[in-house]
Structure formats: structure tokens, C-alpha cells
PDB file of N, CA and C in Angstrom:
ATOM      1  N   MET A   1      64.611  -0.992 -47.371  1.00  0.00           N
ATOM      2  CA  MET A   1      63.336  -0.698 -48.148  1.00  0.00           C
ATOM      3  C   MET A   1      62.872  -1.983 -48.730  1.00  0.00           C
ATOM      4  N   THR A   2      61.758  -1.982 -49.268  1.00  0.00           N
ATOM      5  CA  THR A   2      61.153  -3.061 -49.902  1.00  0.00           C
ATOM      6  C   THR A   2      60.576  -2.555 -51.284  1.00  0.00           C
ATOM      7  N   SER A   3      60.924  -3.427 -52.377  1.00  0.00           N
ATOM      8  CA  SER A   3      60.378  -3.095 -53.759  1.00  0.00           C
ATOM      9  C   SER A   3      59.107  -4.055 -53.885  1.00  0.00           C
ATOM     10  N   LYS A   4      58.086  -3.718 -54.473  1.00  0.00           N
ATOM     11  CA  LYS A   4      56.880  -4.356 -54.613  1.00  0.00           C
ATOM     12  C   LYS A   4      56.367  -4.379 -56.072  1.00  0.00           C
ATOM     13  N   VAL A   5      56.060  -5.521 -56.676  1.00  0.00           N
ATOM     14  CA  VAL A   5      55.383  -5.639 -58.075  1.00  0.00           C
ATOM     15  C   VAL A   5      54.190  -6.394 -57.943  1.00  0.00           C
ATOM     16  N   GLU A   6      53.429  -6.017 -58.781  1.00  0.00           N
ATOM     17  CA  GLU A   6      52.066  -6.963 -59.121  1.00  0.00           C
ATOM     18  C   GLU A   6      51.996  -7.623 -60.316  1.00  0.00           C
ATOM     19  N   VAL A   7      51.561  -8.893 -60.402  1.00  0.00           N
ATOM     20  CA  VAL A   7      51.314  -9.397 -61.682  1.00  0.00           C
ATOM     21  C   VAL A   7      49.777  -9.717 -61.736  1.00  0.00           C
ATOM     22  N   ASP A   8      49.220  -9.101 -62.742  1.00  0.00           N
ATOM     23  CA  ASP A   8      47.755  -9.387 -62.953  1.00  0.00           C
ATOM     24  C   ASP A   8      47.529 -10.278 -64.144  1.00  0.00           C
ATOM     25  N   ALA A   9      47.513 -11.624 -64.044  1.00  0.00           N
ATOM     26  CA  ALA A   9      47.595 -12.515 -65.155  1.00  0.00           C
ATOM     27  C   ALA A   9      46.081 -12.842 -65.506  1.00  0.00           C
ATOM     28  N   ARG A  10      45.480 -12.053 -66.344  1.00  0.00           N
ATOM     29  CA  ARG A  10      44.125 -12.156 -66.681  1.00  0.00           C
ATOM     30  C   ARG A  10      43.879 -13.496 -67.303  1.00  0.00           C
ATOM     31  N   ILE A  11      44.855 -14.058 -68.115  1.00  0.00           N
ATOM     32  CA  ILE A  11      44.552 -15.295 -69.017  1.00  0.00           C
ATOM     33  C   ILE A  11      44.328 -16.496 -67.990  1.00  0.00           C
ATOM     34  N   CYS A  12      44.917 -16.462 -66.897  1.00  0.00           N
ATOM     35  CA  CYS A  12      44.711 -17.490 -65.801  1.00  0.00           C
ATOM     36  C   CYS A  12      43.783 -17.086 -64.694  1.00  0.00           C
ATOM     37  N   SER A  13      43.537 -15.606 -64.591  1.00  0.00           N
ATOM     38  CA  SER A  13      42.587 -15.017 -63.676  1.00  0.00           C
ATOM     39  C   SER A  13      43.214 -15.064 -62.203  1.00  0.00           C
ATOM     40  N   HIS A  14      44.568 -14.966 -62.102  1.00  0.00           N
ATOM     41  CA  HIS A  14      45.129 -14.902 -60.758  1.00  0.00           C
ATOM     42  C   HIS A  14      45.958 -13.670 -60.781  1.00  0.00           C
ATOM     43  N   ARG A  15      45.986 -12.990 -59.452  1.00  0.00           N
ATOM     44  CA  ARG A  15      46.667 -11.797 -59.157  1.00  0.00           C
ATOM     45  C   ARG A  15      47.861 -12.209 -58.078  1.00  0.00           C
ATOM     46  N   THR A  16      48.958 -11.694 -58.280  1.00  0.00           N
ATOM     47  CA  THR A  16      50.038 -11.953 -57.512  1.00  0.00           C
ATOM     48  C   THR A  16      50.841 -10.644 -57.098  1.00  0.00           C
ATOM     49  N   VAL A  17      51.218 -10.410 -55.876  1.00  0.00           N
ATOM     50  CA  VAL A  17      52.093  -9.240 -55.226  1.00  0.00           C
ATOM     51  C   VAL A  17      53.427  -9.883 -54.894  1.00  0.00           C
ATOM     52  N   ILE A  18      54.352  -9.433 -55.244  1.00  0.00           N
ATOM     53  CA  ILE A  18      55.666  -9.918 -54.810  1.00  0.00           C
ATOM     54  C   ILE A  18      56.433  -8.655 -54.059  1.00  0.00           C
ATOM     55  N   GLU A  19      56.951  -9.025 -53.049  1.00  0.00           N
ATOM     56  CA  GLU A  19      57.769  -8.015 -52.163  1.00  0.00           C
ATOM     57  C   GLU A  19      59.257  -8.602 -52.115  1.00  0.00           C
ATOM     58  N   ALA A  20      60.162  -7.814 -52.425  1.00  0.00           N
ATOM     59  CA  ALA A  20      61.700  -8.026 -52.336  1.00  0.00           C
ATOM     60  C   ALA A  20      62.378  -7.027 -51.426  1.00  0.00           C
ATOM     61  N   THR A  21      62.909  -7.691 -50.352  1.00  0.00           N
ATOM     62  CA  THR A  21      63.562  -6.822 -49.261  1.00  0.00           C
ATOM     63  C   THR A  21      65.092  -7.131 -49.444  1.00  0.00           C
ATOM     64  N   ASP A  22      66.017  -6.238 -49.613  1.00  0.00           N
ATOM     65  CA  ASP A  22      67.320  -6.540 -49.472  1.00  0.00           C
ATOM     66  C   ASP A  22      67.840  -6.669 -48.093  1.00  0.00           C
ATOM     67  N   LYS A  23      68.723  -7.683 -47.916  1.00  0.00           N
ATOM     68  CA  LYS A  23      68.878  -8.062 -46.455  1.00  0.00           C
ATOM     69  C   LYS A  23      70.272  -7.497 -46.097  1.00  0.00           C
ATOM     70  N   GLY A  24      70.778  -6.629 -47.036  1.00  0.00           N
ATOM     71  CA  GLY A  24      71.950  -5.670 -46.746  1.00  0.00           C
ATOM     72  C   GLY A  24      73.423  -6.281 -47.393  1.00  0.00           C
ATOM     73  N   ASP A  25      73.254  -7.643 -47.870  1.00  0.00           N
ATOM     74  CA  ASP A  25      74.308  -8.258 -48.494  1.00  0.00           C
ATOM     75  C   ASP A  25      74.034  -8.575 -49.781  1.00  0.00           C
ATOM     76  N   GLY A  26      73.083  -8.117 -50.444  1.00  0.00           N
ATOM     77  CA  GLY A  26      72.634  -8.548 -51.831  1.00  0.00           C
ATOM     78  C   GLY A  26      71.716  -9.682 -51.869  1.00  0.00           C
ATOM     79  N   SER A  27      71.492 -10.334 -50.762  1.00  0.00           N
ATOM     80  CA  SER A  27      70.544 -11.377 -50.795  1.00  0.00           C
ATOM     81  C   SER A  27      69.135 -10.755 -50.580  1.00  0.00           C
ATOM     82  N   MET A  28      68.125 -11.479 -50.948  1.00  0.00           N
ATOM     83  CA  MET A  28      66.724 -11.002 -50.775  1.00  0.00           C
ATOM     84  C   MET A  28      65.858 -11.780 -50.083  1.00  0.00           C
ATOM     85  N   SER A  29      64.981 -11.336 -49.157  1.00  0.00           N
ATOM     86  CA  SER A  29      63.934 -11.775 -48.560  1.00  0.00           C
ATOM     87  C   SER A  29      62.639 -11.575 -49.359  1.00  0.00           C
ATOM     88  N   ILE A  30      61.988 -12.561 -49.781  1.00  0.00           N
ATOM     89  CA  ILE A  30      60.850 -12.518 -50.675  1.00  0.00           C
ATOM     90  C   ILE A  30      59.504 -12.957 -49.898  1.00  0.00           C
ATOM     91  N   ARG A  31      58.546 -12.265 -50.285  1.00  0.00           N
ATOM     92  CA  ARG A  31      57.063 -12.408 -49.908  1.00  0.00           C
ATOM     93  C   ARG A  31      56.287 -12.435 -51.141  1.00  0.00           C
ATOM     94  N   ILE A  32      55.565 -13.549 -51.246  1.00  0.00           N
ATOM     95  CA  ILE A  32      54.608 -13.535 -52.395  1.00  0.00           C
ATOM     96  C   ILE A  32      53.296 -13.759 -51.779  1.00  0.00           C
ATOM     97  N   ASP A  33      52.238 -12.888 -52.200  1.00  0.00           N
ATOM     98  CA  ASP A  33      50.829 -13.147 -51.764  1.00  0.00           C
ATOM     99  C   ASP A  33      50.065 -13.239 -53.074  1.00  0.00           C
ATOM    100  N   THR A  34      49.364 -14.213 -53.260  1.00  0.00           N
ATOM    101  CA  THR A  34      48.720 -14.593 -54.452  1.00  0.00           C
ATOM    102  C   THR A  34      47.442 -15.485 -54.083  1.00  0.00           C
ATOM    103  N   ASP A  35      46.654 -15.698 -55.172  1.00  0.00           N
ATOM    104  CA  ASP A  35      45.410 -16.569 -55.068  1.00  0.00           C
ATOM    105  C   ASP A  35      45.633 -17.734 -55.987  1.00  0.00           C
ATOM    106  N   CYS A  36      46.822 -18.005 -56.321  1.00  0.00           N
ATOM    107  CA  CYS A  36      47.185 -19.125 -57.235  1.00  0.00           C
ATOM    108  C   CYS A  36      47.832 -20.181 -56.259  1.00  0.00           C
ATOM    109  N   PRO A  37      47.353 -21.376 -56.319  1.00  0.00           N
ATOM    110  CA  PRO A  37      47.957 -22.500 -55.420  1.00  0.00           C
ATOM    111  C   PRO A  37      49.392 -22.876 -55.936  1.00  0.00           C
ATOM    112  N   SER A  38      49.746 -22.963 -57.019  1.00  0.00           N
ATOM    113  CA  SER A  38      51.031 -23.203 -57.607  1.00  0.00           C
ATOM    114  C   SER A  38      51.927 -22.146 -57.250  1.00  0.00           C
ATOM    115  N   VAL A  39      51.582 -20.807 -57.324  1.00  0.00           N
ATOM    116  CA  VAL A  39      52.390 -19.793 -57.100  1.00  0.00           C
ATOM    117  C   VAL A  39      52.650 -19.640 -55.605  1.00  0.00           C
ATOM    118  N   GLN A  40      51.566 -20.075 -54.749  1.00  0.00           N
ATOM    119  CA  GLN A  40      51.746 -20.178 -53.318  1.00  0.00           C
ATOM    120  C   GLN A  40      53.049 -21.021 -52.760  1.00  0.00           C
ATOM    121  N   THR A  41      52.931 -22.370 -53.422  1.00  0.00           N
ATOM    122  CA  THR A  41      54.000 -23.172 -53.294  1.00  0.00           C
ATOM    123  C   THR A  41      55.282 -22.486 -53.654  1.00  0.00           C
ATOM    124  N   TYR A  42      55.509 -21.996 -54.817  1.00  0.00           N
ATOM    125  CA  TYR A  42      56.562 -21.417 -55.395  1.00  0.00           C
ATOM    126  C   TYR A  42      57.178 -20.357 -54.333  1.00  0.00           C
ATOM    127  N   GLY A  43      56.302 -19.502 -53.938  1.00  0.00           N
ATOM    128  CA  GLY A  43      56.565 -18.450 -52.901  1.00  0.00           C
ATOM    129  C   GLY A  43      57.244 -19.066 -51.746  1.00  0.00           C
ATOM    130  N   GLU A  44      56.887 -20.201 -51.158  1.00  0.00           N
ATOM    131  CA  GLU A  44      57.372 -20.920 -50.077  1.00  0.00           C
ATOM    132  C   GLU A  44      58.827 -21.283 -50.413  1.00  0.00           C
ATOM    133  N   MET A  45      59.104 -21.586 -51.658  1.00  0.00           N
ATOM    134  CA  MET A  45      60.418 -22.121 -52.035  1.00  0.00           C
ATOM    135  C   MET A  45      61.466 -21.137 -52.406  1.00  0.00           C
ATOM    136  N   VAL A  46      60.951 -19.981 -52.619  1.00  0.00           N
ATOM    137  CA  VAL A  46      61.905 -18.841 -53.030  1.00  0.00           C
ATOM    138  C   VAL A  46      61.975 -17.751 -51.948  1.00  0.00           C
ATOM    139  N   SER A  47      61.650 -18.034 -50.679  1.00  0.00           N
ATOM    140  CA  SER A  47      61.490 -17.076 -49.577  1.00  0.00           C
ATOM    141  C   SER A  47      62.849 -16.349 -49.359  1.00  0.00           C
ATOM    142  N   GLU A  48      63.947 -16.872 -49.754  1.00  0.00           N
ATOM    143  CA  GLU A  48      65.299 -16.196 -49.588  1.00  0.00           C
ATOM    144  C   GLU A  48      66.017 -16.448 -50.898  1.00  0.00           C
ATOM    145  N   LEU A  49      66.689 -15.390 -51.604  1.00  0.00           N
ATOM    146  CA  LEU A  49      67.342 -15.511 -52.856  1.00  0.00           C
ATOM    147  C   LEU A  49      68.832 -14.933 -52.626  1.00  0.00           C
ATOM    148  N   ALA A  50      69.801 -15.570 -53.174  1.00  0.00           N
ATOM    149  CA  ALA A  50      71.165 -15.040 -53.177  1.00  0.00           C
ATOM    150  C   ALA A  50      71.289 -14.214 -54.546  1.00  0.00           C
ATOM    151  N   PRO A  51      72.244 -13.269 -54.602  1.00  0.00           N
ATOM    152  CA  PRO A  51      72.378 -12.474 -55.841  1.00  0.00           C
ATOM    153  C   PRO A  51      72.393 -13.301 -57.187  1.00  0.00           C
ATOM    154  N   GLY A  52      73.005 -14.398 -57.180  1.00  0.00           N
ATOM    155  CA  GLY A  52      72.980 -15.167 -58.425  1.00  0.00           C
ATOM    156  C   GLY A  52      71.696 -15.766 -58.797  1.00  0.00           C
ATOM    157  N   ASP A  53      70.777 -15.925 -57.881  1.00  0.00           N
ATOM    158  CA  ASP A  53      69.425 -16.397 -58.183  1.00  0.00           C
ATOM    159  C   ASP A  53      68.616 -15.497 -58.973  1.00  0.00           C
ATOM    160  N   TYR A  54      68.908 -14.298 -58.860  1.00  0.00           N
ATOM    161  CA  TYR A  54      68.171 -13.134 -59.597  1.00  0.00           C
ATOM    162  C   TYR A  54      68.803 -12.462 -60.660  1.00  0.00           C
ATOM    163  N   SER A  55      70.309 -12.997 -60.856  1.00  0.00           N
ATOM    164  CA  SER A  55      71.023 -12.175 -62.047  1.00  0.00           C
ATOM    165  C   SER A  55      71.612 -13.160 -62.907  1.00  0.00           C
ATOM    166  N   ASP A  56      71.339 -14.525 -62.579  1.00  0.00           N
ATOM    167  CA  ASP A  56      71.871 -15.603 -63.581  1.00  0.00           C
ATOM    168  C   ASP A  56      70.787 -16.484 -64.107  1.00  0.00           C
ATOM    169  N   TRP A  57      70.822 -16.963 -65.275  1.00  0.00           N
ATOM    170  CA  TRP A  57      69.904 -17.925 -65.716  1.00  0.00           C
ATOM    171  C   TRP A  57      70.233 -19.363 -65.269  1.00  0.00           C
ATOM    172  N   SER A  58      71.501 -19.772 -65.336  1.00  0.00           N
ATOM    173  CA  SER A  58      71.777 -21.082 -64.858  1.00  0.00           C
ATOM    174  C   SER A  58      71.984 -21.228 -63.441  1.00  0.00           C
ATOM    175  N   ASP A  59      71.641 -22.427 -62.813  1.00  0.00           N
ATOM    176  CA  ASP A  59      71.769 -22.563 -61.370  1.00  0.00           C
ATOM    177  C   ASP A  59      70.978 -21.469 -60.539  1.00  0.00           C
ATOM    178  N   SER A  60      69.989 -21.032 -61.296  1.00  0.00           N
ATOM    179  CA  SER A  60      69.223 -19.999 -60.494  1.00  0.00           C
ATOM    180  C   SER A  60      67.853 -20.654 -59.745  1.00  0.00           C
ATOM    181  N   LYS A  61      67.802 -20.304 -58.420  1.00  0.00           N
ATOM    182  CA  LYS A  61      66.657 -20.909 -57.651  1.00  0.00           C
ATOM    183  C   LYS A  61      65.276 -20.414 -58.333  1.00  0.00           C
ATOM    184  N   VAL A  62      65.438 -19.031 -58.933  1.00  0.00           N
ATOM    185  CA  VAL A  62      64.036 -18.379 -59.375  1.00  0.00           C
ATOM    186  C   VAL A  62      63.468 -19.472 -60.400  1.00  0.00           C
ATOM    187  N   TRP A  63      64.415 -19.975 -61.397  1.00  0.00           N
ATOM    188  CA  TRP A  63      63.872 -20.612 -62.410  1.00  0.00           C
ATOM    189  C   TRP A  63      63.778 -22.349 -62.016  1.00  0.00           C
ATOM    190  N   GLU A  64      64.669 -22.776 -61.232  1.00  0.00           N
ATOM    191  CA  GLU A  64      64.606 -24.261 -60.832  1.00  0.00           C
ATOM    192  C   GLU A  64      63.386 -24.385 -59.900  1.00  0.00           C
ATOM    193  N   MET A  65      63.167 -23.448 -58.965  1.00  0.00           N
ATOM    194  CA  MET A  65      61.889 -23.770 -58.266  1.00  0.00           C
ATOM    195  C   MET A  65      60.516 -23.459 -58.994  1.00  0.00           C
ATOM    196  N   ALA A  66      60.650 -22.641 -60.078  1.00  0.00           N
ATOM    197  CA  ALA A  66      59.316 -22.593 -60.782  1.00  0.00           C
ATOM    198  C   ALA A  66      58.988 -23.782 -61.351  1.00  0.00           C
ATOM    199  N   ALA A  67      59.954 -24.553 -61.974  1.00  0.00           N
ATOM    200  CA  ALA A  67      59.701 -25.891 -62.634  1.00  0.00           C
ATOM    201  C   ALA A  67      59.049 -26.913 -61.321  1.00  0.00           C
ATOM    202  N   GLN A  68      59.886 -26.826 -60.283  1.00  0.00           N
ATOM    203  CA  GLN A  68      59.427 -27.797 -59.135  1.00  0.00           C
ATOM    204  C   GLN A  68      58.173 -27.486 -58.566  1.00  0.00           C
ATOM    205  N   ALA A  69      57.763 -26.151 -58.769  1.00  0.00           N
ATOM    206  CA  ALA A  69      56.394 -25.843 -58.128  1.00  0.00           C
ATOM    207  C   ALA A  69      55.241 -26.128 -59.068  1.00  0.00           C
ATOM    208  N   GLY A  70      55.589 -26.463 -60.275  1.00  0.00           N
ATOM    209  CA  GLY A  70      54.700 -26.595 -61.247  1.00  0.00           C
ATOM    210  C   GLY A  70      54.180 -25.474 -62.053  1.00  0.00           C
ATOM    211  N   LEU A  71      54.846 -24.378 -62.080  1.00  0.00           N
ATOM    212  CA  LEU A  71      54.412 -23.193 -62.877  1.00  0.00           C
ATOM    213  C   LEU A  71      54.608 -23.441 -64.199  1.00  0.00           C
ATOM    214  N   THR A  72      53.438 -22.967 -65.084  1.00  0.00           N
ATOM    215  CA  THR A  72      53.764 -23.146 -66.508  1.00  0.00           C
ATOM    216  C   THR A  72      54.864 -22.224 -66.993  1.00  0.00           C
ATOM    217  N   THR A  73      55.367 -22.717 -68.246  1.00  0.00           N
ATOM    218  CA  THR A  73      56.456 -21.907 -68.671  1.00  0.00           C
ATOM    219  C   THR A  73      55.982 -20.347 -69.147  1.00  0.00           C
ATOM    220  N   THR A  74      54.716 -20.266 -69.351  1.00  0.00           N
ATOM    221  CA  THR A  74      54.211 -18.840 -69.548  1.00  0.00           C
ATOM    222  C   THR A  74      54.022 -18.018 -68.364  1.00  0.00           C
ATOM    223  N   CYS A  75      54.052 -18.608 -67.145  1.00  0.00           N
ATOM    224  CA  CYS A  75      53.765 -17.857 -65.902  1.00  0.00           C
ATOM    225  C   CYS A  75      54.598 -16.591 -65.933  1.00  0.00           C
ATOM    226  N   LEU A  76      54.182 -15.531 -65.592  1.00  0.00           N
ATOM    227  CA  LEU A  76      54.927 -14.341 -65.492  1.00  0.00           C
ATOM    228  C   LEU A  76      55.400 -13.953 -64.158  1.00  0.00           C
ATOM    229  N   VAL A  77      55.155 -14.835 -63.115  1.00  0.00           N
ATOM    230  CA  VAL A  77      55.539 -14.606 -61.803  1.00  0.00           C
ATOM    231  C   VAL A  77      57.024 -14.614 -61.705  1.00  0.00           C
ATOM    232  N   PRO A  78      57.964 -15.583 -62.137  1.00  0.00           N
ATOM    233  CA  PRO A  78      59.271 -15.654 -62.038  1.00  0.00           C
ATOM    234  C   PRO A  78      59.949 -14.503 -62.662  1.00  0.00           C
ATOM    235  N   VAL A  79      59.600 -13.914 -63.668  1.00  0.00           N
ATOM    236  CA  VAL A  79      60.023 -12.799 -64.268  1.00  0.00           C
ATOM    237  C   VAL A  79      59.774 -11.393 -63.550  1.00  0.00           C
ATOM    238  N   ALA A  80      58.761 -11.365 -63.023  1.00  0.00           N
ATOM    239  CA  ALA A  80      58.412 -10.374 -62.013  1.00  0.00           C
ATOM    240  C   ALA A  80      59.189 -10.402 -60.878  1.00  0.00           C
ATOM    241  N   LEU A  81      59.247 -11.670 -60.332  1.00  0.00           N
ATOM    242  CA  LEU A  81      60.146 -11.783 -59.129  1.00  0.00           C
ATOM    243  C   LEU A  81      61.614 -11.197 -59.443  1.00  0.00           C
ATOM    244  N   VAL A  82      62.246 -11.525 -60.582  1.00  0.00           N
ATOM    245  CA  VAL A  82      63.548 -10.895 -61.001  1.00  0.00           C
ATOM    246  C   VAL A  82      63.475  -9.593 -61.039  1.00  0.00           C
ATOM    247  N   ASN A  83      62.496  -8.882 -61.657  1.00  0.00           N
ATOM    248  CA  ASN A  83      62.461  -7.524 -61.748  1.00  0.00           C
ATOM    249  C   ASN A  83      62.193  -6.804 -60.397  1.00  0.00           C
ATOM    250  N   ALA A  84      61.498  -7.398 -59.539  1.00  0.00           N
ATOM    251  CA  ALA A  84      61.394  -6.822 -58.031  1.00  0.00           C
ATOM    252  C   ALA A  84      62.904  -6.850 -57.437  1.00  0.00           C
ATOM    253  N   CYS A  85      63.496  -7.991 -57.610  1.00  0.00           N
ATOM    254  CA  CYS A  85      64.917  -8.121 -57.053  1.00  0.00           C
ATOM    255  C   CYS A  85      65.937  -7.009 -57.604  1.00  0.00           C
ATOM    256  N   TRP A  86      65.922  -6.918 -59.066  1.00  0.00           N
ATOM    257  CA  TRP A  86      66.626  -5.913 -59.655  1.00  0.00           C
ATOM    258  C   TRP A  86      66.432  -4.545 -59.130  1.00  0.00           C
ATOM    259  N   VAL A  87      65.185  -4.266 -59.023  1.00  0.00           N
ATOM    260  CA  VAL A  87      64.826  -2.852 -58.564  1.00  0.00           C
ATOM    261  C   VAL A  87      65.327  -2.709 -57.098  1.00  0.00           C
ATOM    262  N   GLU A  88      65.018  -3.674 -56.286  1.00  0.00           N
ATOM    263  CA  GLU A  88      65.384  -3.511 -54.829  1.00  0.00           C
ATOM    264  C   GLU A  88      66.980  -3.472 -54.762  1.00  0.00           C
ATOM    265  N   SER A  89      67.629  -4.177 -55.541  1.00  0.00           N
ATOM    266  CA  SER A  89      69.145  -4.307 -55.499  1.00  0.00           C
ATOM    267  C   SER A  89      69.804  -3.022 -56.144  1.00  0.00           C
ATOM    268  N   GLY A  90      69.040  -2.135 -56.814  1.00  0.00           N
ATOM    269  CA  GLY A  90      69.536  -1.024 -57.478  1.00  0.00           C
ATOM    270  C   GLY A  90      70.130  -1.452 -58.949  1.00  0.00           C
ATOM    271  N   MET A  91      69.846  -2.615 -59.386  1.00  0.00           N
ATOM    272  CA  MET A  91      70.323  -2.890 -60.795  1.00  0.00           C
ATOM    273  C   MET A  91      69.368  -2.272 -61.899  1.00  0.00           C
ATOM    274  N   MET A  92      68.097  -1.843 -61.488  1.00  0.00           N
ATOM    275  CA  MET A  92      67.256  -1.258 -62.286  1.00  0.00           C
ATOM    276  C   MET A  92      66.745  -0.049 -61.375  1.00  0.00           C
ATOM    277  N   SER A  93      66.558   1.015 -62.100  1.00  0.00           N
ATOM    278  CA  SER A  93      66.115   2.255 -61.373  1.00  0.00           C
ATOM    279  C   SER A  93      64.635   2.150 -60.904  1.00  0.00           C
ATOM    280  N   LYS A  94      64.349   2.175 -59.644  1.00  0.00           N
ATOM    281  CA  LYS A  94      62.903   2.155 -59.107  1.00  0.00           C
ATOM    282  C   LYS A  94      62.114   3.342 -59.564  1.00  0.00           C
ATOM    283  N   ARG A  95      62.943   4.340 -59.573  1.00  0.00           N
ATOM    284  CA  ARG A  95      62.074   5.650 -59.952  1.00  0.00           C
ATOM    285  C   ARG A  95      61.597   5.416 -61.610  1.00  0.00           C
ATOM    286  N   LEU A  96      62.658   5.180 -62.324  1.00  0.00           N
ATOM    287  CA  LEU A  96      62.205   4.811 -63.717  1.00  0.00           C
ATOM    288  C   LEU A  96      61.149   3.764 -63.858  1.00  0.00           C
ATOM    289  N   ALA A  97      61.247   2.635 -63.136  1.00  0.00           N
ATOM    290  CA  ALA A  97      60.357   1.453 -63.331  1.00  0.00           C
ATOM    291  C   ALA A  97      58.906   2.126 -62.909  1.00  0.00           C
ATOM    292  N   ILE A  98      58.923   2.770 -61.914  1.00  0.00           N
ATOM    293  CA  ILE A  98      57.469   3.371 -61.443  1.00  0.00           C
ATOM    294  C   ILE A  98      56.922   4.422 -62.471  1.00  0.00           C
ATOM    295  N   LYS A  99      57.835   5.125 -62.949  1.00  0.00           N
ATOM    296  CA  LYS A  99      57.485   6.328 -63.905  1.00  0.00           C
ATOM    297  C   LYS A  99      56.993   5.624 -65.206  1.00  0.00           C
ATOM    298  N   GLU A 100      57.658   4.541 -65.730  1.00  0.00           N
ATOM    299  CA  GLU A 100      57.222   4.005 -67.095  1.00  0.00           C
ATOM    300  C   GLU A 100      56.117   3.211 -66.970  1.00  0.00           C
ATOM    301  N   GLY A 101      55.760   2.589 -65.599  1.00  0.00           N
ATOM    302  CA  GLY A 101      54.571   1.848 -65.621  1.00  0.00           C
ATOM    303  C   GLY A 101      54.650   0.448 -65.897  1.00  0.00           C
ATOM    304  N   PRO A 102      53.541  -0.237 -66.167  1.00  0.00           N
ATOM    305  CA  PRO A 102      53.373  -1.721 -66.411  1.00  0.00           C
ATOM    306  C   PRO A 102      54.211  -2.181 -67.530  1.00  0.00           C
ATOM    307  N   ILE A 103      54.837  -3.283 -67.529  1.00  0.00           N
ATOM    308  CA  ILE A 103      55.526  -4.052 -68.773  1.00  0.00           C
ATOM    309  C   ILE A 103      54.358  -5.001 -69.108  1.00  0.00           C
ATOM    310  N   CYS A 104      54.131  -5.025 -70.489  1.00  0.00           N
ATOM    311  CA  CYS A 104      52.913  -5.635 -71.006  1.00  0.00           C
ATOM    312  C   CYS A 104      53.269  -6.611 -72.102  1.00  0.00           C
ATOM    313  N   ILE A 105      52.475  -7.749 -72.240  1.00  0.00           N
ATOM    314  CA  ILE A 105      52.469  -8.642 -73.346  1.00  0.00           C
ATOM    315  C   ILE A 105      51.062  -8.352 -74.038  1.00  0.00           C
ATOM    316  N   HIS A 106      51.123  -7.960 -75.133  1.00  0.00           N
ATOM    317  CA  HIS A 106      49.838  -7.781 -75.946  1.00  0.00           C
ATOM    318  C   HIS A 106      49.744  -8.854 -77.052  1.00  0.00           C
ATOM    319  N   PHE A 107      48.593  -9.658 -76.948  1.00  0.00           N
ATOM    320  CA  PHE A 107      48.448 -10.584 -78.166  1.00  0.00           C
ATOM    321  C   PHE A 107      47.682 -10.049 -79.172  1.00  0.00           C
ATOM    322  N   LEU A 108      48.388  -9.897 -80.281  1.00  0.00           N
ATOM    323  CA  LEU A 108      47.985  -9.088 -81.561  1.00  0.00           C
ATOM    324  C   LEU A 108      47.024 -10.091 -82.393  1.00  0.00           C
ATOM    325  N   GLU A 109      47.117 -11.222 -82.535  1.00  0.00           N
ATOM    326  CA  GLU A 109      46.246 -12.031 -83.417  1.00  0.00           C
ATOM    327  C   GLU A 109      46.246 -13.447 -82.865  1.00  0.00           C
TER     328      GLU A 109
END
């Protein structure tokens, strides 16, 4: 099965859809569809992820490739990618994630 998440980054006016598919051994096949050139580059760099890439901070392809692709430190795509992988791997409940809806950042002042 495939898990799919959407990032609607209004601040930079880009939209990204991330699909994570478990390859059966915990590794993930990743597909990223976006209108952001930097995220397109990132998507090519993270097309395959090992379990440590989406569950660890250090030595993680998710974070290392974000820097190499030139994503800003505020870009939500790497976090969304980790969430898609967690749902796909069963580390987070897909049913609960869909039921609870979007994860948001609200700027208050």
C-alpha cells in the first residue's frame, strides 16, 4: 500500500504531494510531486529511503539531502516525508492520522 501526504506551503506558494510505499523490508520508495524546483531536486535525491533515514536524526538521508538540495530550514517537506514514512511503516496509525486531519503551524503575532 502507499501512504500519501500533502504540504500546502502558503508562505512560499508551493504545493507538494509525497507518496511513500513500503518495499516489504522497511525501506521506502518515495515519489514527490511538486511545483518547487528545490523540492523537485530533493525528491530525486530521496527516491529510496532505509528505515534509519526516516527514524533517526543523525546520518539521515532525509535531513542531509534537504541541505544538499538547498531547502530552507523552515521547509515543511522533510518533516512531511518523515510522517508519510511513519504512517506507511505502521509507526504511526494511518487511520488516526487521517481522522485527526492536518498538522498546522499557526503564526500568532
